[in-house]
N, C-alpha and C. Protein backbone atom coordinates (compact mmCIF):
# COMPACT_ATOMS: atom_id res chain seq x y z
N UNK A 1 -104.88 126.56 -25.74
CA UNK A 1 -104.57 126.34 -27.14
C UNK A 1 -105.67 125.46 -27.73
N UNK A 2 -106.23 125.85 -28.84
CA UNK A 2 -107.31 125.10 -29.50
C UNK A 2 -106.71 123.94 -30.30
N UNK A 3 -107.27 122.76 -30.13
CA UNK A 3 -106.83 121.58 -30.88
C UNK A 3 -107.10 121.80 -32.36
N UNK A 4 -106.10 121.60 -33.23
CA UNK A 4 -106.31 121.80 -34.67
C UNK A 4 -107.18 120.71 -35.31
N UNK A 5 -107.43 119.64 -34.58
CA UNK A 5 -108.20 118.53 -35.13
C UNK A 5 -109.67 118.57 -34.73
N UNK A 6 -109.95 118.83 -33.44
CA UNK A 6 -111.34 118.80 -33.00
C UNK A 6 -111.83 120.14 -32.44
N UNK A 7 -110.92 121.09 -32.23
CA UNK A 7 -111.31 122.41 -31.76
C UNK A 7 -111.44 122.54 -30.25
N UNK A 8 -111.18 121.48 -29.52
CA UNK A 8 -111.28 121.51 -28.06
C UNK A 8 -110.26 122.49 -27.49
N UNK A 9 -110.64 123.18 -26.43
CA UNK A 9 -109.74 124.17 -25.82
C UNK A 9 -108.87 123.61 -24.71
N UNK A 10 -109.05 122.34 -24.38
CA UNK A 10 -108.26 121.74 -23.31
C UNK A 10 -107.21 120.80 -23.88
N UNK A 11 -105.98 120.97 -23.40
CA UNK A 11 -104.91 120.06 -23.79
C UNK A 11 -103.92 119.97 -22.65
N UNK A 12 -103.02 119.02 -22.76
CA UNK A 12 -101.96 118.91 -21.77
C UNK A 12 -100.61 118.92 -22.49
N UNK A 13 -99.61 119.50 -21.85
CA UNK A 13 -98.28 119.56 -22.41
C UNK A 13 -97.58 118.24 -22.12
N UNK A 14 -97.14 117.57 -23.18
CA UNK A 14 -96.49 116.27 -23.05
C UNK A 14 -94.97 116.44 -22.95
N UNK A 15 -94.43 117.42 -23.69
CA UNK A 15 -92.99 117.62 -23.72
C UNK A 15 -92.69 119.08 -24.03
N UNK A 16 -91.68 119.64 -23.39
CA UNK A 16 -91.22 121.00 -23.66
C UNK A 16 -89.71 120.97 -23.80
N UNK A 17 -89.21 121.69 -24.80
CA UNK A 17 -87.76 121.79 -24.94
C UNK A 17 -87.40 123.08 -25.65
N UNK A 18 -86.27 123.66 -25.29
CA UNK A 18 -85.84 124.90 -25.94
C UNK A 18 -85.32 124.62 -27.36
N UNK A 19 -85.55 125.55 -28.26
CA UNK A 19 -85.01 125.47 -29.62
C UNK A 19 -84.44 126.83 -29.98
N UNK A 20 -83.81 126.94 -31.13
CA UNK A 20 -83.26 128.21 -31.62
C UNK A 20 -82.39 128.90 -30.58
N UNK A 21 -81.44 128.15 -30.04
CA UNK A 21 -80.51 128.70 -29.05
C UNK A 21 -81.24 129.30 -27.85
N UNK A 22 -82.34 128.68 -27.46
CA UNK A 22 -83.08 129.12 -26.28
C UNK A 22 -84.04 130.26 -26.52
N UNK A 23 -84.21 130.69 -27.76
CA UNK A 23 -85.10 131.81 -28.08
C UNK A 23 -86.56 131.37 -28.21
N UNK A 24 -86.76 130.08 -28.40
CA UNK A 24 -88.10 129.54 -28.60
C UNK A 24 -88.27 128.29 -27.75
N UNK A 25 -89.49 128.05 -27.29
CA UNK A 25 -89.80 126.81 -26.57
C UNK A 25 -90.75 126.01 -27.45
N UNK A 26 -90.37 124.77 -27.71
CA UNK A 26 -91.22 123.86 -28.50
C UNK A 26 -92.01 123.01 -27.52
N UNK A 27 -93.32 122.99 -27.69
CA UNK A 27 -94.16 122.19 -26.78
C UNK A 27 -94.97 121.18 -27.58
N UNK A 28 -94.89 119.92 -27.16
CA UNK A 28 -95.76 118.87 -27.72
C UNK A 28 -96.98 118.83 -26.83
N UNK A 29 -98.14 118.93 -27.42
CA UNK A 29 -99.38 118.95 -26.66
C UNK A 29 -100.26 117.79 -27.10
N UNK A 30 -101.13 117.37 -26.18
CA UNK A 30 -102.08 116.31 -26.47
C UNK A 30 -103.47 116.80 -26.09
N UNK A 31 -104.40 116.69 -27.03
CA UNK A 31 -105.78 117.12 -26.79
C UNK A 31 -106.43 116.17 -25.77
N UNK A 32 -107.12 116.76 -24.81
CA UNK A 32 -107.79 115.97 -23.77
C UNK A 32 -108.98 115.22 -24.36
N UNK A 33 -109.63 115.81 -25.36
CA UNK A 33 -110.84 115.22 -25.93
C UNK A 33 -110.54 114.11 -26.95
N UNK A 34 -109.73 114.42 -27.97
CA UNK A 34 -109.52 113.44 -29.05
C UNK A 34 -108.16 112.73 -28.99
N UNK A 35 -107.29 113.13 -28.06
CA UNK A 35 -105.97 112.53 -27.85
C UNK A 35 -104.99 112.76 -29.00
N UNK A 36 -105.33 113.66 -29.92
CA UNK A 36 -104.40 113.99 -31.01
C UNK A 36 -103.25 114.82 -30.45
N UNK A 37 -102.08 114.67 -31.04
CA UNK A 37 -100.91 115.43 -30.60
C UNK A 37 -100.58 116.49 -31.64
N UNK A 38 -100.12 117.62 -31.15
CA UNK A 38 -99.70 118.71 -32.03
C UNK A 38 -98.59 119.50 -31.35
N UNK A 39 -97.87 120.29 -32.14
CA UNK A 39 -96.73 121.05 -31.65
C UNK A 39 -97.04 122.53 -31.69
N UNK A 40 -96.64 123.25 -30.64
CA UNK A 40 -96.74 124.70 -30.61
C UNK A 40 -95.36 125.26 -30.28
N UNK A 41 -95.15 126.52 -30.66
CA UNK A 41 -93.90 127.19 -30.36
C UNK A 41 -94.20 128.47 -29.59
N UNK A 42 -93.43 128.71 -28.57
CA UNK A 42 -93.60 129.89 -27.73
C UNK A 42 -92.36 130.75 -27.92
N UNK A 43 -92.58 132.04 -28.22
CA UNK A 43 -91.48 132.94 -28.53
C UNK A 43 -91.64 134.24 -27.78
N UNK A 44 -90.54 134.86 -27.43
CA UNK A 44 -90.58 136.17 -26.79
C UNK A 44 -91.06 137.18 -27.82
N UNK A 45 -91.98 138.02 -27.42
CA UNK A 45 -92.48 139.05 -28.32
C UNK A 45 -91.42 140.13 -28.46
N UNK A 46 -91.08 140.44 -29.67
CA UNK A 46 -90.02 141.41 -29.93
C UNK A 46 -90.60 142.72 -30.46
N UNK A 47 -89.75 143.73 -30.50
CA UNK A 47 -90.15 145.02 -31.06
C UNK A 47 -90.44 144.80 -32.54
N UNK A 48 -91.56 145.31 -33.04
CA UNK A 48 -91.88 145.07 -34.44
C UNK A 48 -90.82 145.62 -35.39
N UNK A 49 -90.52 144.85 -36.39
CA UNK A 49 -89.54 145.23 -37.41
C UNK A 49 -90.32 145.67 -38.64
N UNK A 50 -90.00 146.84 -39.15
CA UNK A 50 -90.68 147.35 -40.34
C UNK A 50 -89.81 147.09 -41.56
N UNK A 51 -90.45 146.71 -42.65
CA UNK A 51 -89.75 146.45 -43.91
C UNK A 51 -90.05 147.60 -44.86
N UNK A 52 -88.99 148.20 -45.40
CA UNK A 52 -89.13 149.30 -46.35
C UNK A 52 -89.02 148.70 -47.75
N UNK A 53 -90.11 148.81 -48.49
CA UNK A 53 -90.16 148.22 -49.83
C UNK A 53 -89.50 149.14 -50.85
N UNK A 54 -89.29 148.65 -52.06
CA UNK A 54 -88.61 149.43 -53.10
C UNK A 54 -89.32 150.73 -53.43
N UNK A 55 -90.64 150.74 -53.31
CA UNK A 55 -91.39 151.97 -53.62
C UNK A 55 -91.47 152.93 -52.44
N UNK A 56 -90.79 152.58 -51.34
CA UNK A 56 -90.74 153.46 -50.17
C UNK A 56 -91.82 153.19 -49.13
N UNK A 57 -92.78 152.34 -49.45
CA UNK A 57 -93.83 152.03 -48.47
C UNK A 57 -93.26 151.11 -47.39
N UNK A 58 -93.91 151.12 -46.25
CA UNK A 58 -93.46 150.31 -45.12
C UNK A 58 -94.55 149.34 -44.73
N UNK A 59 -94.13 148.18 -44.31
CA UNK A 59 -95.07 147.19 -43.78
C UNK A 59 -94.36 146.37 -42.73
N UNK A 60 -95.13 145.73 -41.88
CA UNK A 60 -94.56 144.90 -40.82
C UNK A 60 -93.85 143.69 -41.38
N UNK A 61 -92.80 143.27 -40.70
CA UNK A 61 -92.05 142.08 -41.10
C UNK A 61 -92.95 140.86 -41.01
N UNK A 62 -92.89 140.00 -42.02
CA UNK A 62 -93.70 138.79 -42.06
C UNK A 62 -92.80 137.60 -42.40
N UNK A 63 -92.54 136.78 -41.41
CA UNK A 63 -91.69 135.60 -41.57
C UNK A 63 -92.19 134.70 -42.70
N UNK A 64 -93.51 134.60 -42.83
CA UNK A 64 -94.10 133.70 -43.84
C UNK A 64 -93.75 134.10 -45.27
N UNK A 65 -93.51 135.39 -45.51
CA UNK A 65 -93.12 135.81 -46.86
C UNK A 65 -91.74 135.29 -47.21
N UNK A 66 -90.83 135.36 -46.26
CA UNK A 66 -89.47 134.83 -46.48
C UNK A 66 -89.54 133.31 -46.63
N UNK A 67 -90.28 132.67 -45.75
CA UNK A 67 -90.43 131.22 -45.80
C UNK A 67 -91.00 130.78 -47.15
N UNK A 68 -92.04 131.46 -47.61
CA UNK A 68 -92.68 131.12 -48.88
C UNK A 68 -91.72 131.26 -50.06
N UNK A 69 -90.93 132.33 -50.08
CA UNK A 69 -89.97 132.54 -51.16
C UNK A 69 -88.90 131.48 -51.19
N UNK A 70 -88.43 131.09 -50.01
CA UNK A 70 -87.39 130.08 -49.93
C UNK A 70 -87.94 128.70 -50.28
N UNK A 71 -89.15 128.40 -49.83
CA UNK A 71 -89.78 127.12 -50.18
C UNK A 71 -89.93 127.01 -51.69
N UNK A 72 -90.35 128.08 -52.32
CA UNK A 72 -90.52 128.07 -53.78
C UNK A 72 -89.17 127.87 -54.49
N UNK A 73 -88.12 128.51 -53.99
CA UNK A 73 -86.79 128.37 -54.59
C UNK A 73 -86.24 126.96 -54.40
N UNK A 74 -86.60 126.31 -53.29
CA UNK A 74 -86.09 124.97 -52.98
C UNK A 74 -86.98 123.84 -53.49
N UNK A 75 -88.03 124.21 -54.22
CA UNK A 75 -88.96 123.21 -54.73
C UNK A 75 -88.22 122.18 -55.59
N UNK A 76 -88.51 120.91 -55.35
CA UNK A 76 -87.92 119.78 -56.07
C UNK A 76 -86.40 119.71 -55.92
N UNK A 77 -85.90 120.21 -54.80
CA UNK A 77 -84.48 120.15 -54.47
C UNK A 77 -84.33 119.29 -53.22
N UNK A 78 -83.15 118.74 -53.00
CA UNK A 78 -82.95 117.89 -51.82
C UNK A 78 -82.73 118.72 -50.54
N UNK A 79 -83.68 119.60 -50.27
CA UNK A 79 -83.61 120.46 -49.08
C UNK A 79 -84.86 120.19 -48.25
N UNK A 80 -84.65 119.80 -47.00
CA UNK A 80 -85.78 119.46 -46.14
C UNK A 80 -86.42 120.71 -45.56
N UNK A 81 -87.66 120.57 -45.10
CA UNK A 81 -88.35 121.68 -44.45
C UNK A 81 -87.62 122.08 -43.18
N UNK A 82 -87.00 121.12 -42.52
CA UNK A 82 -86.23 121.43 -41.32
C UNK A 82 -85.06 122.36 -41.66
N UNK A 83 -84.37 122.09 -42.76
CA UNK A 83 -83.26 122.94 -43.20
C UNK A 83 -83.78 124.34 -43.56
N UNK A 84 -84.93 124.39 -44.21
CA UNK A 84 -85.51 125.68 -44.60
C UNK A 84 -85.89 126.47 -43.35
N UNK A 85 -86.50 125.81 -42.38
CA UNK A 85 -86.89 126.48 -41.13
C UNK A 85 -85.65 127.04 -40.41
N UNK A 86 -84.58 126.25 -40.37
CA UNK A 86 -83.34 126.71 -39.73
C UNK A 86 -82.77 127.91 -40.49
N UNK A 87 -82.86 127.88 -41.80
CA UNK A 87 -82.38 128.98 -42.63
C UNK A 87 -83.17 130.26 -42.33
N UNK A 88 -84.49 130.14 -42.26
CA UNK A 88 -85.33 131.30 -41.96
C UNK A 88 -85.05 131.80 -40.54
N UNK A 89 -84.84 130.88 -39.60
CA UNK A 89 -84.48 131.28 -38.23
C UNK A 89 -83.18 132.08 -38.23
N UNK A 90 -82.20 131.62 -39.01
CA UNK A 90 -80.91 132.30 -39.09
C UNK A 90 -81.07 133.70 -39.69
N UNK A 91 -81.88 133.80 -40.74
CA UNK A 91 -82.13 135.10 -41.39
C UNK A 91 -82.82 136.04 -40.41
N UNK A 92 -83.82 135.52 -39.73
CA UNK A 92 -84.57 136.30 -38.75
C UNK A 92 -83.65 136.78 -37.62
N UNK A 93 -82.78 135.91 -37.15
CA UNK A 93 -81.84 136.28 -36.10
C UNK A 93 -80.92 137.41 -36.57
N UNK A 94 -80.45 137.32 -37.81
CA UNK A 94 -79.61 138.38 -38.38
C UNK A 94 -80.34 139.71 -38.41
N UNK A 95 -81.61 139.67 -38.82
CA UNK A 95 -82.40 140.90 -38.91
C UNK A 95 -82.61 141.52 -37.54
N UNK A 96 -82.99 140.72 -36.56
CA UNK A 96 -83.25 141.26 -35.23
C UNK A 96 -81.95 141.66 -34.52
N UNK A 97 -80.85 140.95 -34.78
CA UNK A 97 -79.57 141.30 -34.16
C UNK A 97 -78.97 142.58 -34.73
N UNK A 98 -79.45 142.98 -35.91
CA UNK A 98 -78.94 144.23 -36.49
C UNK A 98 -79.39 145.44 -35.67
N UNK A 99 -80.38 145.23 -34.79
CA UNK A 99 -80.91 146.27 -33.91
C UNK A 99 -81.56 147.43 -34.68
N UNK A 100 -81.89 147.20 -35.93
CA UNK A 100 -82.57 148.22 -36.72
C UNK A 100 -84.07 148.07 -36.52
N UNK A 101 -84.79 149.17 -36.56
CA UNK A 101 -86.24 149.12 -36.49
C UNK A 101 -86.85 149.02 -37.88
N UNK A 102 -86.05 149.41 -38.88
CA UNK A 102 -86.48 149.31 -40.27
C UNK A 102 -85.38 148.66 -41.09
N UNK A 103 -85.78 147.80 -41.97
CA UNK A 103 -84.83 147.13 -42.85
C UNK A 103 -85.41 147.11 -44.26
N UNK A 104 -84.56 147.30 -45.25
CA UNK A 104 -85.04 147.36 -46.64
C UNK A 104 -85.19 145.95 -47.21
N UNK A 105 -86.04 145.84 -48.22
CA UNK A 105 -86.21 144.55 -48.89
C UNK A 105 -84.90 144.13 -49.56
N UNK A 106 -84.09 145.11 -49.96
CA UNK A 106 -82.80 144.79 -50.58
C UNK A 106 -81.89 144.09 -49.57
N UNK A 107 -81.85 144.60 -48.34
CA UNK A 107 -81.03 143.98 -47.30
C UNK A 107 -81.50 142.55 -47.02
N UNK A 108 -82.81 142.40 -46.91
CA UNK A 108 -83.37 141.07 -46.65
C UNK A 108 -83.02 140.12 -47.79
N UNK A 109 -83.19 140.57 -49.01
CA UNK A 109 -82.89 139.75 -50.18
C UNK A 109 -81.44 139.31 -50.23
N UNK A 110 -80.52 140.23 -49.89
CA UNK A 110 -79.09 139.88 -49.90
C UNK A 110 -78.77 138.85 -48.82
N UNK A 111 -79.38 139.00 -47.65
CA UNK A 111 -79.16 138.03 -46.57
C UNK A 111 -79.67 136.66 -47.00
N UNK A 112 -80.87 136.63 -47.60
CA UNK A 112 -81.45 135.36 -48.07
C UNK A 112 -80.53 134.71 -49.09
N UNK A 113 -80.04 135.49 -50.05
CA UNK A 113 -79.19 134.92 -51.10
C UNK A 113 -77.87 134.38 -50.52
N UNK A 114 -77.29 135.10 -49.57
CA UNK A 114 -76.06 134.64 -48.93
C UNK A 114 -76.30 133.30 -48.24
N UNK A 115 -77.40 133.20 -47.50
CA UNK A 115 -77.72 131.97 -46.78
C UNK A 115 -78.05 130.83 -47.76
N UNK A 116 -78.81 131.13 -48.82
CA UNK A 116 -79.19 130.10 -49.79
C UNK A 116 -77.99 129.56 -50.56
N UNK A 117 -77.04 130.43 -50.83
CA UNK A 117 -75.86 130.02 -51.59
C UNK A 117 -75.14 128.88 -50.87
N UNK A 118 -75.09 128.95 -49.55
CA UNK A 118 -74.45 127.89 -48.78
C UNK A 118 -75.28 126.63 -48.64
N UNK A 119 -76.59 126.76 -48.81
CA UNK A 119 -77.49 125.62 -48.65
C UNK A 119 -77.65 124.83 -49.94
N UNK A 120 -78.00 125.53 -51.03
CA UNK A 120 -78.27 124.86 -52.30
C UNK A 120 -78.09 125.88 -53.43
N UNK A 121 -77.12 125.63 -54.30
CA UNK A 121 -76.81 126.62 -55.34
C UNK A 121 -77.91 126.77 -56.38
N UNK A 122 -78.64 125.70 -56.67
CA UNK A 122 -79.75 125.80 -57.63
C UNK A 122 -80.86 126.67 -57.04
N UNK A 123 -81.16 126.44 -55.76
CA UNK A 123 -82.17 127.26 -55.08
C UNK A 123 -81.72 128.72 -55.05
N UNK A 124 -80.42 128.93 -54.85
CA UNK A 124 -79.87 130.29 -54.85
C UNK A 124 -80.12 130.97 -56.19
N UNK A 125 -79.81 130.27 -57.28
CA UNK A 125 -79.99 130.85 -58.63
C UNK A 125 -81.47 131.12 -58.90
N UNK A 126 -82.33 130.21 -58.48
CA UNK A 126 -83.78 130.43 -58.65
C UNK A 126 -84.23 131.68 -57.91
N UNK A 127 -83.81 131.80 -56.65
CA UNK A 127 -84.20 132.96 -55.86
C UNK A 127 -83.62 134.24 -56.47
N UNK A 128 -82.35 134.19 -56.85
CA UNK A 128 -81.68 135.36 -57.42
C UNK A 128 -82.34 135.80 -58.72
N UNK A 129 -82.80 134.84 -59.52
CA UNK A 129 -83.41 135.20 -60.80
C UNK A 129 -84.70 136.00 -60.61
N UNK A 130 -85.43 135.70 -59.54
CA UNK A 130 -86.65 136.45 -59.24
C UNK A 130 -86.30 137.75 -58.53
N UNK A 131 -85.42 137.66 -57.53
CA UNK A 131 -85.07 138.81 -56.72
C UNK A 131 -84.37 139.90 -57.55
N UNK A 132 -83.43 139.49 -58.36
CA UNK A 132 -82.67 140.46 -59.17
C UNK A 132 -83.35 140.74 -60.50
N UNK A 133 -84.46 140.11 -60.74
CA UNK A 133 -85.27 140.32 -61.94
C UNK A 133 -84.44 140.22 -63.23
N UNK A 134 -83.83 139.05 -63.42
CA UNK A 134 -83.04 138.83 -64.62
C UNK A 134 -83.90 139.08 -65.85
N UNK A 135 -83.46 139.96 -66.70
CA UNK A 135 -84.23 140.35 -67.88
C UNK A 135 -83.98 139.44 -69.08
N UNK A 136 -82.76 138.86 -69.13
CA UNK A 136 -82.43 138.03 -70.28
C UNK A 136 -81.44 136.94 -69.87
N UNK A 137 -81.08 136.13 -70.81
CA UNK A 137 -80.19 135.00 -70.54
C UNK A 137 -78.79 135.45 -70.17
N UNK A 138 -78.36 136.63 -70.68
CA UNK A 138 -77.01 137.12 -70.39
C UNK A 138 -76.83 137.42 -68.90
N UNK A 139 -77.80 138.07 -68.29
CA UNK A 139 -77.68 138.38 -66.86
C UNK A 139 -77.74 137.09 -66.03
N UNK A 140 -78.51 136.13 -66.50
CA UNK A 140 -78.59 134.83 -65.85
C UNK A 140 -77.23 134.13 -65.93
N UNK A 141 -76.62 134.17 -67.10
CA UNK A 141 -75.32 133.53 -67.30
C UNK A 141 -74.22 134.21 -66.48
N UNK A 142 -74.31 135.52 -66.31
CA UNK A 142 -73.33 136.24 -65.49
C UNK A 142 -73.37 135.70 -64.05
N UNK A 143 -74.57 135.50 -63.53
CA UNK A 143 -74.71 134.98 -62.17
C UNK A 143 -74.16 133.56 -62.07
N UNK A 144 -74.45 132.74 -63.07
CA UNK A 144 -73.93 131.37 -63.08
C UNK A 144 -72.40 131.36 -63.17
N UNK A 145 -71.84 132.27 -63.96
CA UNK A 145 -70.40 132.36 -64.09
C UNK A 145 -69.76 132.72 -62.75
N UNK A 146 -70.38 133.64 -62.00
CA UNK A 146 -69.86 134.02 -60.68
C UNK A 146 -69.81 132.81 -59.76
N UNK A 147 -70.87 132.00 -59.80
CA UNK A 147 -70.92 130.79 -58.96
C UNK A 147 -69.82 129.81 -59.36
N UNK A 148 -69.64 129.63 -60.66
CA UNK A 148 -68.64 128.69 -61.15
C UNK A 148 -67.22 129.14 -60.75
N UNK A 149 -66.97 130.44 -60.77
CA UNK A 149 -65.65 130.96 -60.38
C UNK A 149 -65.40 130.74 -58.89
N UNK A 150 -66.45 130.83 -58.07
CA UNK A 150 -66.31 130.65 -56.62
C UNK A 150 -65.93 129.21 -56.28
N UNK A 151 -66.33 128.27 -57.12
CA UNK A 151 -66.01 126.86 -56.87
C UNK A 151 -64.54 126.67 -57.12
């Protein structure tokens, strides 16, 4: 593993522990050259999951796209990166446990909204407004009304 600070290829593992219900191993490493510490994650390689977009095109699943969308929705909210990472892990687990080789963006979006609703309702509304492409204030208010009724 290359040190992110000095580029040295030699390091030693300081600590290893399982995360994500044993699906991932978190390793704390220390660079032999500069003594900087960094974290790496080791994961079992899975069968690639294809995402079917609204226009019918397919592309490989990219965790960073989901992470980026959720980070943007949670901006300036009392939601930690740790909570966001756990949320993305949960979404990813749902997708892979479905045993499907292809999943639509609509399915992914609905899973994200379900998970976000339980985490932070403002982040949920932000994500929903982009995902559902609210055209005007009326559609926005309909979504807010649904949330208020659920309370």
